[in-house]
């Protein structure tokens, strides 16, 4: 009986594993943890990256800092002019709002 030639060990390195992740698919938590640099690179090149944990029941989305800043700025904007004035630090201040008509 002849022995078959021994095949070289073809283990997948973490870097190769990161590159094999299909675009648009959620990252499993452990894979994302091991491939954080690749996750961050894809955030910049492909957009937000979803990370799933426990079969997708828990998750998070990583977005680029610029996108996060836009979202935060937008969420803090008043919805209306009335809301803007209600949130003003001058609410309740005793202001004299009478117009001086002598300059007319």
PDB file of N, CA and C in Angstrom:
ATOM      1  N   UNK A   1       0.850  -1.165   0.000  1.00  0.00           N
ATOM      2  CA  UNK A   1       0.000   0.000   0.000  1.00  0.00           C
ATOM      3  C   UNK A   1       0.899   1.233   0.000  1.00  0.00           C
ATOM      4  N   UNK A   2       0.697   2.114  -0.958  1.00  0.00           N
ATOM      5  CA  UNK A   2       1.512   3.313  -1.035  1.00  0.00           C
ATOM      6  C   UNK A   2       0.838   4.441  -0.278  1.00  0.00           C
ATOM      7  N   UNK A   3       1.685   5.212   0.337  1.00  0.00           N
ATOM      8  CA  UNK A   3       1.164   6.354   1.078  1.00  0.00           C
ATOM      9  C   UNK A   3       0.899   7.508   0.129  1.00  0.00           C
ATOM     10  N   UNK A   4      -0.174   8.191   0.375  1.00  0.00           N
ATOM     11  CA  UNK A   4      -0.450   9.380  -0.439  1.00  0.00           C
ATOM     12  C   UNK A   4       0.447  10.510   0.041  1.00  0.00           C
ATOM     13  N   UNK A   5       0.837  11.379  -0.859  1.00  0.00           N
ATOM     14  CA  UNK A   5       1.715  12.475  -0.440  1.00  0.00           C
ATOM     15  C   UNK A   5       0.996  13.368   0.569  1.00  0.00           C
ATOM     16  N   UNK A   6       1.754  13.798   1.540  1.00  0.00           N
ATOM     17  CA  UNK A   6       1.184  14.631   2.596  1.00  0.00           C
ATOM     18  C   UNK A   6       0.893  16.025   2.034  1.00  0.00           C
ATOM     19  N   UNK A   7      -0.324  16.479   2.225  1.00  0.00           N
ATOM     20  CA  UNK A   7      -0.729  17.791   1.750  1.00  0.00           C
ATOM     21  C   UNK A   7      -0.252  18.839   2.759  1.00  0.00           C
ATOM     22  N   UNK A   8       0.213  19.972   2.268  1.00  0.00           N
ATOM     23  CA  UNK A   8       0.630  21.016   3.204  1.00  0.00           C
ATOM     24  C   UNK A   8      -0.572  21.532   4.005  1.00  0.00           C
ATOM     25  N   UNK A   9      -0.283  21.979   5.185  1.00  0.00           N
ATOM     26  CA  UNK A   9      -1.331  22.505   6.057  1.00  0.00           C
ATOM     27  C   UNK A   9      -1.843  23.819   5.461  1.00  0.00           C
ATOM     28  N   UNK A  10      -3.085  23.867   5.095  1.00  0.00           N
ATOM     29  CA  UNK A  10      -3.665  25.034   4.442  1.00  0.00           C
ATOM     30  C   UNK A  10      -4.641  25.742   5.388  1.00  0.00           C
ATOM     31  N   UNK A  11      -4.146  26.194   6.494  1.00  0.00           N
ATOM     32  CA  UNK A  11      -4.995  26.903   7.448  1.00  0.00           C
ATOM     33  C   UNK A  11      -5.246  28.316   6.935  1.00  0.00           C
ATOM     34  N   UNK A  12      -6.430  28.802   7.198  1.00  0.00           N
ATOM     35  CA  UNK A  12      -6.783  30.162   6.798  1.00  0.00           C
ATOM     36  C   UNK A  12      -6.318  31.109   7.896  1.00  0.00           C
ATOM     37  N   UNK A  13      -5.520  32.094   7.501  1.00  0.00           N
ATOM     38  CA  UNK A  13      -5.039  33.073   8.476  1.00  0.00           C
ATOM     39  C   UNK A  13      -6.154  34.074   8.781  1.00  0.00           C
ATOM     40  N   UNK A  14      -6.081  34.764   9.922  1.00  0.00           N
ATOM     41  CA  UNK A  14      -7.107  35.765  10.232  1.00  0.00           C
ATOM     42  C   UNK A  14      -7.239  36.834   9.147  1.00  0.00           C
ATOM     43  N   UNK A  15      -6.132  37.240   8.557  1.00  0.00           N
ATOM     44  CA  UNK A  15      -6.185  38.249   7.496  1.00  0.00           C
ATOM     45  C   UNK A  15      -6.974  37.719   6.303  1.00  0.00           C
ATOM     46  N   UNK A  16      -6.734  36.463   5.940  1.00  0.00           N
ATOM     47  CA  UNK A  16      -7.473  35.861   4.826  1.00  0.00           C
ATOM     48  C   UNK A  16      -8.951  35.725   5.179  1.00  0.00           C
ATOM     49  N   UNK A  17      -9.235  35.360   6.410  1.00  0.00           N
ATOM     50  CA  UNK A  17     -10.614  35.219   6.859  1.00  0.00           C
ATOM     51  C   UNK A  17     -11.351  36.551   6.728  1.00  0.00           C
ATOM     52  N   UNK A  18     -10.688  37.627   7.108  1.00  0.00           N
ATOM     53  CA  UNK A  18     -11.301  38.954   7.024  1.00  0.00           C
ATOM     54  C   UNK A  18     -11.612  39.302   5.579  1.00  0.00           C
ATOM     55  N   UNK A  19     -10.693  39.010   4.688  1.00  0.00           N
ATOM     56  CA  UNK A  19     -10.881  39.338   3.272  1.00  0.00           C
ATOM     57  C   UNK A  19     -11.972  38.474   2.632  1.00  0.00           C
ATOM     58  N   UNK A  20     -12.240  37.295   3.200  1.00  0.00           N
ATOM     59  CA  UNK A  20     -13.243  36.390   2.637  1.00  0.00           C
ATOM     60  C   UNK A  20     -14.675  36.778   2.988  1.00  0.00           C
ATOM     61  N   UNK A  21     -14.851  37.685   3.932  1.00  0.00           N
ATOM     62  CA  UNK A  21     -16.208  38.088   4.330  1.00  0.00           C
ATOM     63  C   UNK A  21     -16.916  38.738   3.148  1.00  0.00           C
ATOM     64  N   UNK A  22     -18.082  38.208   2.765  1.00  0.00           N
ATOM     65  CA  UNK A  22     -18.799  38.804   1.633  1.00  0.00           C
ATOM     66  C   UNK A  22     -19.291  40.215   1.975  1.00  0.00           C
ATOM     67  N   UNK A  23     -19.215  41.103   1.012  1.00  0.00           N
ATOM     68  CA  UNK A  23     -19.690  42.475   1.214  1.00  0.00           C
ATOM     69  C   UNK A  23     -21.188  42.452   1.476  1.00  0.00           C
ATOM     70  N   UNK A  24     -21.623  43.276   2.405  1.00  0.00           N
ATOM     71  CA  UNK A  24     -23.049  43.391   2.702  1.00  0.00           C
ATOM     72  C   UNK A  24     -23.567  42.390   3.718  1.00  0.00           C
ATOM     73  N   UNK A  25     -22.809  41.375   4.014  1.00  0.00           N
ATOM     74  CA  UNK A  25     -23.228  40.383   5.009  1.00  0.00           C
ATOM     75  C   UNK A  25     -22.884  40.880   6.404  1.00  0.00           C
ATOM     76  N   UNK A  26     -23.732  40.601   7.399  1.00  0.00           N
ATOM     77  CA  UNK A  26     -23.376  40.989   8.772  1.00  0.00           C
ATOM     78  C   UNK A  26     -22.156  40.210   9.254  1.00  0.00           C
ATOM     79  N   UNK A  27     -21.327  40.879  10.018  1.00  0.00           N
ATOM     80  CA  UNK A  27     -20.165  40.244  10.630  1.00  0.00           C
ATOM     81  C   UNK A  27     -20.622  39.534  11.898  1.00  0.00           C
ATOM     82  N   UNK A  28     -20.129  38.334  12.121  1.00  0.00           N
ATOM     83  CA  UNK A  28     -20.341  37.701  13.413  1.00  0.00           C
ATOM     84  C   UNK A  28     -19.414  38.401  14.404  1.00  0.00           C
ATOM     85  N   UNK A  29     -19.843  38.511  15.639  1.00  0.00           N
ATOM     86  CA  UNK A  29     -19.102  39.282  16.637  1.00  0.00           C
ATOM     87  C   UNK A  29     -17.642  38.862  16.742  1.00  0.00           C
ATOM     88  N   UNK A  30     -17.395  37.563  16.859  1.00  0.00           N
ATOM     89  CA  UNK A  30     -16.016  37.086  17.024  1.00  0.00           C
ATOM     90  C   UNK A  30     -15.165  37.405  15.795  1.00  0.00           C
ATOM     91  N   UNK A  31     -15.750  37.286  14.605  1.00  0.00           N
ATOM     92  CA  UNK A  31     -15.018  37.603  13.379  1.00  0.00           C
ATOM     93  C   UNK A  31     -14.715  39.095  13.318  1.00  0.00           C
ATOM     94  N   UNK A  32     -15.704  39.926  13.641  1.00  0.00           N
ATOM     95  CA  UNK A  32     -15.501  41.379  13.626  1.00  0.00           C
ATOM     96  C   UNK A  32     -14.431  41.784  14.624  1.00  0.00           C
ATOM     97  N   UNK A  33     -14.424  41.120  15.769  1.00  0.00           N
ATOM     98  CA  UNK A  33     -13.426  41.413  16.796  1.00  0.00           C
ATOM     99  C   UNK A  33     -12.025  41.098  16.273  1.00  0.00           C
ATOM    100  N   UNK A  34     -11.889  39.975  15.596  1.00  0.00           N
ATOM    101  CA  UNK A  34     -10.591  39.562  15.067  1.00  0.00           C
ATOM    102  C   UNK A  34     -10.192  40.382  13.834  1.00  0.00           C
ATOM    103  N   UNK A  35     -11.171  40.984  13.170  1.00  0.00           N
ATOM    104  CA  UNK A  35     -10.927  41.685  11.907  1.00  0.00           C
ATOM    105  C   UNK A  35     -11.264  43.169  12.008  1.00  0.00           C
ATOM    106  N   UNK A  36     -11.054  43.755  13.161  1.00  0.00           N
ATOM    107  CA  UNK A  36     -11.485  45.137  13.369  1.00  0.00           C
ATOM    108  C   UNK A  36     -10.911  46.097  12.321  1.00  0.00           C
ATOM    109  N   UNK A  37      -9.669  45.954  11.960  1.00  0.00           N
ATOM    110  CA  UNK A  37      -9.080  46.834  10.940  1.00  0.00           C
ATOM    111  C   UNK A  37      -9.822  46.712   9.617  1.00  0.00           C
ATOM    112  N   UNK A  38     -10.171  45.499   9.234  1.00  0.00           N
ATOM    113  CA  UNK A  38     -10.906  45.281   7.991  1.00  0.00           C
ATOM    114  C   UNK A  38     -12.322  45.841   8.097  1.00  0.00           C
ATOM    115  N   UNK A  39     -12.948  45.677   9.237  1.00  0.00           N
ATOM    116  CA  UNK A  39     -14.292  46.240   9.444  1.00  0.00           C
ATOM    117  C   UNK A  39     -14.236  47.756   9.261  1.00  0.00           C
ATOM    118  N   UNK A  40     -13.257  48.400   9.877  1.00  0.00           N
ATOM    119  CA  UNK A  40     -13.133  49.853   9.773  1.00  0.00           C
ATOM    120  C   UNK A  40     -12.806  50.277   8.341  1.00  0.00           C
ATOM    121  N   UNK A  41     -11.991  49.517   7.642  1.00  0.00           N
ATOM    122  CA  UNK A  41     -11.690  49.831   6.246  1.00  0.00           C
ATOM    123  C   UNK A  41     -12.965  49.775   5.403  1.00  0.00           C
ATOM    124  N   UNK A  42     -13.772  48.741   5.636  1.00  0.00           N
ATOM    125  CA  UNK A  42     -15.021  48.599   4.876  1.00  0.00           C
ATOM    126  C   UNK A  42     -16.035  49.682   5.222  1.00  0.00           C
ATOM    127  N   UNK A  43     -16.024  50.157   6.453  1.00  0.00           N
ATOM    128  CA  UNK A  43     -16.907  51.271   6.816  1.00  0.00           C
ATOM    129  C   UNK A  43     -16.599  52.450   5.904  1.00  0.00           C
ATOM    130  N   UNK A  44     -15.330  52.702   5.673  1.00  0.00           N
ATOM    131  CA  UNK A  44     -14.908  53.829   4.825  1.00  0.00           C
ATOM    132  C   UNK A  44     -15.206  53.580   3.344  1.00  0.00           C
ATOM    133  N   UNK A  45     -15.030  52.338   2.875  1.00  0.00           N
ATOM    134  CA  UNK A  45     -15.157  52.071   1.443  1.00  0.00           C
ATOM    135  C   UNK A  45     -16.545  51.587   1.027  1.00  0.00           C
ATOM    136  N   UNK A  46     -17.248  50.880   1.922  1.00  0.00           N
ATOM    137  CA  UNK A  46     -18.535  50.276   1.552  1.00  0.00           C
ATOM    138  C   UNK A  46     -19.719  50.850   2.312  1.00  0.00           C
ATOM    139  N   UNK A  47     -19.446  51.561   3.404  1.00  0.00           N
ATOM    140  CA  UNK A  47     -20.536  52.114   4.191  1.00  0.00           C
ATOM    141  C   UNK A  47     -20.706  51.361   5.503  1.00  0.00           C
ATOM    142  N   UNK A  48     -21.803  51.619   6.215  1.00  0.00           N
ATOM    143  CA  UNK A  48     -22.028  51.027   7.533  1.00  0.00           C
ATOM    144  C   UNK A  48     -21.894  49.505   7.526  1.00  0.00           C
ATOM    145  N   UNK A  49     -21.319  48.980   8.609  1.00  0.00           N
ATOM    146  CA  UNK A  49     -21.128  47.534   8.758  1.00  0.00           C
ATOM    147  C   UNK A  49     -21.932  47.035   9.960  1.00  0.00           C
ATOM    148  N   UNK A  50     -22.725  46.005   9.723  1.00  0.00           N
ATOM    149  CA  UNK A  50     -23.566  45.414  10.771  1.00  0.00           C
ATOM    150  C   UNK A  50     -22.805  44.286  11.452  1.00  0.00           C
ATOM    151  N   UNK A  51     -22.882  44.261  12.771  1.00  0.00           N
ATOM    152  CA  UNK A  51     -22.242  43.198  13.552  1.00  0.00           C
ATOM    153  C   UNK A  51     -23.334  42.497  14.338  1.00  0.00           C
ATOM    154  N   UNK A  52     -23.417  41.175  14.178  1.00  0.00           N
ATOM    155  CA  UNK A  52     -24.460  40.379  14.827  1.00  0.00           C
ATOM    156  C   UNK A  52     -23.854  39.523  15.929  1.00  0.00           C
ATOM    157  N   UNK A  53     -24.636  39.273  16.929  1.00  0.00           N
ATOM    158  CA  UNK A  53     -24.212  38.432  18.051  1.00  0.00           C
ATOM    159  C   UNK A  53     -25.359  37.497  18.389  1.00  0.00           C
ATOM    160  N   UNK A  54     -25.062  36.299  18.794  1.00  0.00           N
ATOM    161  CA  UNK A  54     -26.075  35.312  19.202  1.00  0.00           C
ATOM    162  C   UNK A  54     -27.122  35.102  18.110  1.00  0.00           C
ATOM    163  N   UNK A  55     -26.661  34.777  16.923  1.00  0.00           N
ATOM    164  CA  UNK A  55     -27.589  34.446  15.846  1.00  0.00           C
ATOM    165  C   UNK A  55     -28.385  35.635  15.341  1.00  0.00           C
ATOM    166  N   UNK A  56     -27.884  36.822  15.530  1.00  0.00           N
ATOM    167  CA  UNK A  56     -28.550  38.004  14.999  1.00  0.00           C
ATOM    168  C   UNK A  56     -29.524  38.672  15.949  1.00  0.00           C
ATOM    169  N   UNK A  57     -29.705  38.114  17.152  1.00  0.00           N
ATOM    170  CA  UNK A  57     -30.655  38.717  18.098  1.00  0.00           C
ATOM    171  C   UNK A  57     -30.129  40.022  18.660  1.00  0.00           C
ATOM    172  N   UNK A  58     -28.833  40.127  18.836  1.00  0.00           N
ATOM    173  CA  UNK A  58     -28.229  41.360  19.318  1.00  0.00           C
ATOM    174  C   UNK A  58     -27.309  41.862  18.229  1.00  0.00           C
ATOM    175  N   UNK A  59     -27.227  43.151  18.093  1.00  0.00           N
ATOM    176  CA  UNK A  59     -26.348  43.644  17.060  1.00  0.00           C
ATOM    177  C   UNK A  59     -26.030  45.109  17.221  1.00  0.00           C
ATOM    178  N   UNK A  60     -25.143  45.552  16.350  1.00  0.00           N
ATOM    179  CA  UNK A  60     -24.739  46.952  16.313  1.00  0.00           C
ATOM    180  C   UNK A  60     -24.358  47.266  14.879  1.00  0.00           C
ATOM    181  N   UNK A  61     -24.295  48.548  14.596  1.00  0.00           N
ATOM    182  CA  UNK A  61     -23.864  49.005  13.278  1.00  0.00           C
ATOM    183  C   UNK A  61     -22.732  49.996  13.488  1.00  0.00           C
ATOM    184  N   UNK A  62     -21.652  49.808  12.766  1.00  0.00           N
ATOM    185  CA  UNK A  62     -20.526  50.739  12.821  1.00  0.00           C
ATOM    186  C   UNK A  62     -20.627  51.638  11.594  1.00  0.00           C
ATOM    187  N   UNK A  63     -20.591  52.951  11.838  1.00  0.00           N
ATOM    188  CA  UNK A  63     -20.649  53.925  10.752  1.00  0.00           C
ATOM    189  C   UNK A  63     -19.420  54.820  10.812  1.00  0.00           C
ATOM    190  N   UNK A  64     -19.107  55.463   9.704  1.00  0.00           N
ATOM    191  CA  UNK A  64     -17.991  56.398   9.652  1.00  0.00           C
ATOM    192  C   UNK A  64     -18.292  57.581  10.569  1.00  0.00           C
ATOM    193  N   UNK A  65     -17.238  58.166  11.109  1.00  0.00           N
ATOM    194  CA  UNK A  65     -17.398  59.273  12.057  1.00  0.00           C
ATOM    195  C   UNK A  65     -18.161  60.442  11.440  1.00  0.00           C
ATOM    196  N   UNK A  66     -17.901  60.753  10.181  1.00  0.00           N
ATOM    197  CA  UNK A  66     -18.595  61.860   9.520  1.00  0.00           C
ATOM    198  C   UNK A  66     -20.091  61.592   9.439  1.00  0.00           C
ATOM    199  N   UNK A  67     -20.460  60.357   9.141  1.00  0.00           N
ATOM    200  CA  UNK A  67     -21.878  60.001   9.054  1.00  0.00           C
ATOM    201  C   UNK A  67     -22.528  60.085  10.434  1.00  0.00           C
ATOM    202  N   UNK A  68     -21.824  59.619  11.454  1.00  0.00           N
ATOM    203  CA  UNK A  68     -22.325  59.700  12.823  1.00  0.00           C
ATOM    204  C   UNK A  68     -22.568  61.163  13.223  1.00  0.00           C
ATOM    205  N   UNK A  69     -21.593  62.034  12.914  1.00  0.00           N
ATOM    206  CA  UNK A  69     -21.735  63.451  13.245  1.00  0.00           C
ATOM    207  C   UNK A  69     -22.958  64.064  12.558  1.00  0.00           C
ATOM    208  N   UNK A  70     -23.175  63.702  11.275  1.00  0.00           N
ATOM    209  CA  UNK A  70     -24.357  64.213  10.562  1.00  0.00           C
ATOM    210  C   UNK A  70     -25.639  63.733  11.230  1.00  0.00           C
ATOM    211  N   UNK A  71     -25.674  62.466  11.627  1.00  0.00           N
ATOM    212  CA  UNK A  71     -26.874  61.926  12.272  1.00  0.00           C
ATOM    213  C   UNK A  71     -27.156  62.618  13.602  1.00  0.00           C
ATOM    214  N   UNK A  72     -26.112  62.839  14.382  1.00  0.00           N
ATOM    215  CA  UNK A  72     -26.279  63.495  15.680  1.00  0.00           C
ATOM    216  C   UNK A  72     -26.734  64.932  15.489  1.00  0.00           C
ATOM    217  N   UNK A  73     -26.105  65.645  14.570  1.00  0.00           N
ATOM    218  CA  UNK A  73     -26.496  67.032  14.306  1.00  0.00           C
ATOM    219  C   UNK A  73     -27.959  67.108  13.885  1.00  0.00           C
ATOM    220  N   UNK A  74     -28.365  66.217  13.005  1.00  0.00           N
ATOM    221  CA  UNK A  74     -29.741  66.210  12.507  1.00  0.00           C
ATOM    222  C   UNK A  74     -30.728  65.891  13.627  1.00  0.00           C
ATOM    223  N   UNK A  75     -30.353  64.967  14.510  1.00  0.00           N
ATOM    224  CA  UNK A  75     -31.278  64.583  15.587  1.00  0.00           C
ATOM    225  C   UNK A  75     -31.422  65.681  16.630  1.00  0.00           C
ATOM    226  N   UNK A  76     -30.445  66.574  16.708  1.00  0.00           N
ATOM    227  CA  UNK A  76     -30.507  67.660  17.693  1.00  0.00           C
ATOM    228  C   UNK A  76     -31.180  68.909  17.143  1.00  0.00           C
ATOM    229  N   UNK A  77     -31.450  68.941  15.851  1.00  0.00           N
ATOM    230  CA  UNK A  77     -32.094  70.101  15.271  1.00  0.00           C
ATOM    231  C   UNK A  77     -33.555  70.145  15.700  1.00  0.00           C
ATOM    232  N   UNK A  78     -34.037  71.332  16.036  1.00  0.00           N
ATOM    233  CA  UNK A  78     -35.456  71.448  16.378  1.00  0.00           C
ATOM    234  C   UNK A  78     -36.324  71.075  15.174  1.00  0.00           C
ATOM    235  N   UNK A  79     -37.469  70.500  15.454  1.00  0.00           N
ATOM    236  CA  UNK A  79     -38.379  70.079  14.395  1.00  0.00           C
ATOM    237  C   UNK A  79     -39.142  71.266  13.804  1.00  0.00           C
ATOM    238  N   UNK A  80     -39.299  72.313  14.580  1.00  0.00           N
ATOM    239  CA  UNK A  80     -40.054  73.474  14.104  1.00  0.00           C
ATOM    240  C   UNK A  80     -39.504  74.733  14.765  1.00  0.00           C
ATOM    241  N   UNK A  81     -39.943  75.887  14.269  1.00  0.00           N
ATOM    242  CA  UNK A  81     -39.527  77.156  14.846  1.00  0.00           C
ATOM    243  C   UNK A  81     -40.055  77.295  16.273  1.00  0.00           C
ATOM    244  N   UNK A  82     -41.248  76.797  16.511  1.00  0.00           N
ATOM    245  CA  UNK A  82     -41.827  76.843  17.856  1.00  0.00           C
ATOM    246  C   UNK A  82     -40.967  76.030  18.814  1.00  0.00           C
ATOM    247  N   UNK A  83     -40.573  74.836  18.397  1.00  0.00           N
ATOM    248  CA  UNK A  83     -39.715  73.996  19.243  1.00  0.00           C
ATOM    249  C   UNK A  83     -38.375  74.687  19.489  1.00  0.00           C
ATOM    250  N   UNK A  84     -37.835  75.343  18.473  1.00  0.00           N
ATOM    251  CA  UNK A  84     -36.579  76.068  18.615  1.00  0.00           C
ATOM    252  C   UNK A  84     -36.686  77.102  19.732  1.00  0.00           C
ATOM    253  N   UNK A  85     -37.756  77.898  19.716  1.00  0.00           N
ATOM    254  CA  UNK A  85     -37.914  78.934  20.739  1.00  0.00           C
ATOM    255  C   UNK A  85     -38.211  78.338  22.120  1.00  0.00           C
ATOM    256  N   UNK A  86     -38.918  77.213  22.160  1.00  0.00           N
ATOM    257  CA  UNK A  86     -39.188  76.563  23.449  1.00  0.00           C
ATOM    258  C   UNK A  86     -37.916  76.003  24.082  1.00  0.00           C
ATOM    259  N   UNK A  87     -36.925  75.647  23.262  1.00  0.00           N
ATOM    260  CA  UNK A  87     -35.668  75.107  23.772  1.00  0.00           C
ATOM    261  C   UNK A  87     -34.639  76.198  24.044  1.00  0.00           C
ATOM    262  N   UNK A  88     -34.976  77.427  23.771  1.00  0.00           N
ATOM    263  CA  UNK A  88     -34.044  78.535  23.934  1.00  0.00           C
ATOM    264  C   UNK A  88     -33.655  78.713  25.398  1.00  0.00           C
ATOM    265  N   UNK A  89     -32.398  79.072  25.665  1.00  0.00           N
ATOM    266  CA  UNK A  89     -31.997  79.348  27.051  1.00  0.00           C
ATOM    267  C   UNK A  89     -32.662  80.611  27.601  1.00  0.00           C
ATOM    268  N   UNK A  90     -33.301  81.381  26.743  1.00  0.00           N
ATOM    269  CA  UNK A  90     -33.977  82.602  27.187  1.00  0.00           C
ATOM    270  C   UNK A  90     -35.442  82.385  27.565  1.00  0.00           C
ATOM    271  N   UNK A  91     -35.900  81.138  27.501  1.00  0.00           N
ATOM    272  CA  UNK A  91     -37.281  80.849  27.885  1.00  0.00           C
ATOM    273  C   UNK A  91     -37.491  81.275  29.337  1.00  0.00           C
ATOM    274  N   UNK A  92     -38.519  82.053  29.568  1.00  0.00           N
ATOM    275  CA  UNK A  92     -38.839  82.502  30.924  1.00  0.00           C
ATOM    276  C   UNK A  92     -38.119  83.776  31.324  1.00  0.00           C
ATOM    277  N   UNK A  93     -37.200  84.243  30.502  1.00  0.00           N
ATOM    278  CA  UNK A  93     -36.495  85.493  30.820  1.00  0.00           C
ATOM    279  C   UNK A  93     -37.453  86.659  30.607  1.00  0.00           C
ATOM    280  N   UNK A  94     -37.334  87.657  31.447  1.00  0.00           N
ATOM    281  CA  UNK A  94     -38.196  88.833  31.346  1.00  0.00           C
ATOM    282  C   UNK A  94     -37.544  89.802  30.368  1.00  0.00           C
ATOM    283  N   UNK A  95     -37.933  89.703  29.120  1.00  0.00           N
ATOM    284  CA  UNK A  95     -37.361  90.545  28.076  1.00  0.00           C
ATOM    285  C   UNK A  95     -38.339  91.649  27.693  1.00  0.00           C
ATOM    286  N   UNK A  96     -37.819  92.829  27.423  1.00  0.00           N
ATOM    287  CA  UNK A  96     -38.640  93.931  26.942  1.00  0.00           C
ATOM    288  C   UNK A  96     -38.634  93.840  25.420  1.00  0.00           C
ATOM    289  N   UNK A  97     -39.733  93.386  24.855  1.00  0.00           N
ATOM    290  CA  UNK A  97     -39.816  93.189  23.416  1.00  0.00           C
ATOM    291  C   UNK A  97     -40.589  94.306  22.718  1.00  0.00           C
ATOM    292  N   UNK A  98     -40.869  95.371  23.444  1.00  0.00           N
ATOM    293  CA  UNK A  98     -41.571  96.508  22.830  1.00  0.00           C
ATOM    294  C   UNK A  98     -40.616  97.226  21.897  1.00  0.00           C
ATOM    295  N   UNK A  99     -41.143  97.605  20.757  1.00  0.00           N
ATOM    296  CA  UNK A  99     -40.355  98.305  19.748  1.00  0.00           C
ATOM    297  C   UNK A  99     -40.377  99.805  20.025  1.00  0.00           C
ATOM    298  N   UNK A 100     -39.232 100.426  19.914  1.00  0.00           N
ATOM    299  CA  UNK A 100     -39.149 101.876  20.072  1.00  0.00           C
ATOM    300  C   UNK A 100     -39.596 102.515  18.764  1.00  0.00           C
ATOM    301  N   UNK A 101     -40.759 103.122  18.760  1.00  0.00           N
ATOM    302  CA  UNK A 101     -41.331 103.671  17.532  1.00  0.00           C
ATOM    303  C   UNK A 101     -40.865 105.090  17.252  1.00  0.00           C
ATOM    304  N   UNK A 102     -40.034 105.669  18.105  1.00  0.00           N
ATOM    305  CA  UNK A 102     -39.576 107.034  17.889  1.00  0.00           C
ATOM    306  C   UNK A 102     -38.621 107.149  16.714  1.00  0.00           C
ATOM    307  N   UNK A 103     -38.038 105.995  16.297  1.00  0.00           N
ATOM    308  CA  UNK A 103     -37.111 106.018  15.164  1.00  0.00           C
ATOM    309  C   UNK A 103     -37.828 105.884  13.829  1.00  0.00           C
ATOM    310  N   UNK A 104     -39.139 105.711  13.829  1.00  0.00           N
ATOM    311  CA  UNK A 104     -39.889 105.516  12.579  1.00  0.00           C
ATOM    312  C   UNK A 104     -40.032 106.804  11.815  1.00  0.00           C
TER     313      UNK A 104
END
